[in-house]
Amino acid sequence: MRGFHTVQSDSTVYGYYAWNSLILVGKAEGNKLSGHIYDGIFEIRMNPDGKSYSGFIFDNSAAEAGYWTGIRK
């Protein structure tokens, strides 16, 4: 199992990234998903194409937020 896998229940989203065992818990509102991941926070938005997303992840030990992108499958 490689890649990021999510399950949604109502507006709550649970996710797991197999490569480094990151666990995500967030809330979906419209085209936005925000929440907690490991020891940080994140916010991503679905792009207008409905297939890709982008946003930021802020690890509590990092000085700056990282950019996060992906494709919905």
C-alpha atoms as a PDB file:
ATOM      1  CA  MET A   1       0.000   0.000   0.000  1.00  0.00           C
ATOM      2  CA  ARG A   2       1.764   3.128  -1.210  1.00  0.00           C
ATOM      3  CA  GLY A   3       0.395   6.654  -1.197  1.00  0.00           C
ATOM      4  CA  PHE A   4      -2.111   8.502   0.916  1.00  0.00           C
ATOM      5  CA  HIS A   5      -5.406   6.791   1.724  1.00  0.00           C
ATOM      6  CA  THR A   6      -8.451   8.504   3.247  1.00  0.00           C
ATOM      7  CA  VAL A   7     -11.904   7.621   4.527  1.00  0.00           C
ATOM      8  CA  GLN A   8     -14.664  10.173   5.126  1.00  0.00           C
ATOM      9  CA  SER A   9     -17.488   9.923   7.668  1.00  0.00           C
ATOM     10  CA  ASP A  10     -19.838  12.908   7.446  1.00  0.00           C
ATOM     11  CA  SER A  11     -17.449  15.896   7.462  1.00  0.00           C
ATOM     12  CA  THR A  12     -14.620  14.097   9.315  1.00  0.00           C
ATOM     13  CA  VAL A  13     -11.751  12.694   7.235  1.00  0.00           C
ATOM     14  CA  TYR A  14      -9.268  10.089   8.467  1.00  0.00           C
ATOM     15  CA  GLY A  15      -6.130   9.391   6.497  1.00  0.00           C
ATOM     16  CA  TYR A  16      -2.991   7.287   6.492  1.00  0.00           C
ATOM     17  CA  TYR A  17       0.221   7.763   4.536  1.00  0.00           C
ATOM     18  CA  ALA A  18       1.923   4.374   4.308  1.00  0.00           C
ATOM     19  CA  TRP A  19       5.410   5.605   3.359  1.00  0.00           C
ATOM     20  CA  ASN A  20       6.152   7.174   6.736  1.00  0.00           C
ATOM     21  CA  SER A  21       3.095   6.142   8.789  1.00  0.00           C
ATOM     22  CA  LEU A  22       1.550   9.617   9.046  1.00  0.00           C
ATOM     23  CA  ILE A  23      -1.982   9.726  10.402  1.00  0.00           C
ATOM     24  CA  LEU A  24      -4.337  12.567   9.457  1.00  0.00           C
ATOM     25  CA  VAL A  25      -7.608  13.696  11.021  1.00  0.00           C
ATOM     26  CA  GLY A  26      -9.424  16.623   9.489  1.00  0.00           C
ATOM     27  CA  LYS A  27     -12.713  18.299   8.690  1.00  0.00           C
ATOM     28  CA  ALA A  28     -14.026  18.795   5.151  1.00  0.00           C
ATOM     29  CA  GLU A  29     -15.894  22.023   4.399  1.00  0.00           C
ATOM     30  CA  GLY A  30     -16.737  22.738   0.764  1.00  0.00           C
ATOM     31  CA  ASN A  31     -13.480  22.399  -1.196  1.00  0.00           C
ATOM     32  CA  LYS A  32     -11.302  22.743   1.941  1.00  0.00           C
ATOM     33  CA  LEU A  33      -9.851  20.050   4.196  1.00  0.00           C
ATOM     34  CA  SER A  34      -8.020  21.147   7.349  1.00  0.00           C
ATOM     35  CA  GLY A  35      -6.887  19.426  10.497  1.00  0.00           C
ATOM     36  CA  HIS A  36      -4.024  17.698  12.279  1.00  0.00           C
ATOM     37  CA  ILE A  37      -1.353  15.422  10.887  1.00  0.00           C
ATOM     38  CA  TYR A  38       1.194  13.735  13.168  1.00  0.00           C
ATOM     39  CA  ASP A  39       2.630  16.685  15.130  1.00  0.00           C
ATOM     40  CA  GLY A  40       1.441  19.471  12.850  1.00  0.00           C
ATOM     41  CA  ILE A  41      -1.508  21.065  11.098  1.00  0.00           C
ATOM     42  CA  PHE A  42      -2.558  21.272   7.457  1.00  0.00           C
ATOM     43  CA  GLU A  43      -4.992  22.938   5.089  1.00  0.00           C
ATOM     44  CA  ILE A  44      -5.582  21.834   1.513  1.00  0.00           C
ATOM     45  CA  ARG A  45      -8.133  22.904  -1.095  1.00  0.00           C
ATOM     46  CA  MET A  46      -9.444  21.032  -4.090  1.00  0.00           C
ATOM     47  CA  ASN A  47      -8.487  22.851  -7.287  1.00  0.00           C
ATOM     48  CA  PRO A  48     -11.198  23.907  -9.777  1.00  0.00           C
ATOM     49  CA  ASP A  49     -10.446  20.852 -11.965  1.00  0.00           C
ATOM     50  CA  GLY A  50     -11.869  18.621  -9.192  1.00  0.00           C
ATOM     51  CA  LYS A  51      -8.957  16.192  -9.545  1.00  0.00           C
ATOM     52  CA  SER A  52      -5.984  17.921  -7.923  1.00  0.00           C
ATOM     53  CA  TYR A  53      -5.424  19.685  -4.630  1.00  0.00           C
ATOM     54  CA  SER A  54      -2.871  21.974  -3.060  1.00  0.00           C
ATOM     55  CA  GLY A  55      -2.205  23.522   0.304  1.00  0.00           C
ATOM     56  CA  PHE A  56       0.165  23.752   3.213  1.00  0.00           C
ATOM     57  CA  ILE A  57       1.367  21.525   6.020  1.00  0.00           C
ATOM     58  CA  PHE A  58       3.037  22.970   9.091  1.00  0.00           C
ATOM     59  CA  ASP A  59       5.106  20.549  11.141  1.00  0.00           C
ATOM     60  CA  ASN A  60       5.453  21.823  14.717  1.00  0.00           C
ATOM     61  CA  SER A  61       9.233  21.409  14.531  1.00  0.00           C
ATOM     62  CA  ALA A  62       9.569  23.276  11.206  1.00  0.00           C
ATOM     63  CA  ALA A  63      10.223  27.002  10.917  1.00  0.00           C
ATOM     64  CA  GLU A  64       8.140  27.321   7.743  1.00  0.00           C
ATOM     65  CA  ALA A  65       5.118  25.591   6.263  1.00  0.00           C
ATOM     66  CA  GLY A  66       5.634  23.073   3.467  1.00  0.00           C
ATOM     67  CA  TYR A  67       3.661  23.070   0.243  1.00  0.00           C
ATOM     68  CA  TRP A  68       1.411  20.033  -0.304  1.00  0.00           C
ATOM     69  CA  THR A  69       0.003  18.951  -3.681  1.00  0.00           C
ATOM     70  CA  GLY A  70      -1.601  15.811  -5.026  1.00  0.00           C
ATOM     71  CA  ILE A  71      -4.031  14.179  -7.430  1.00  0.00           C
ATOM     72  CA  ARG A  72      -7.318  12.629  -6.398  1.00  0.00           C
ATOM     73  CA  LYS A  73      -7.805   9.074  -7.655  1.00  0.00           C
END
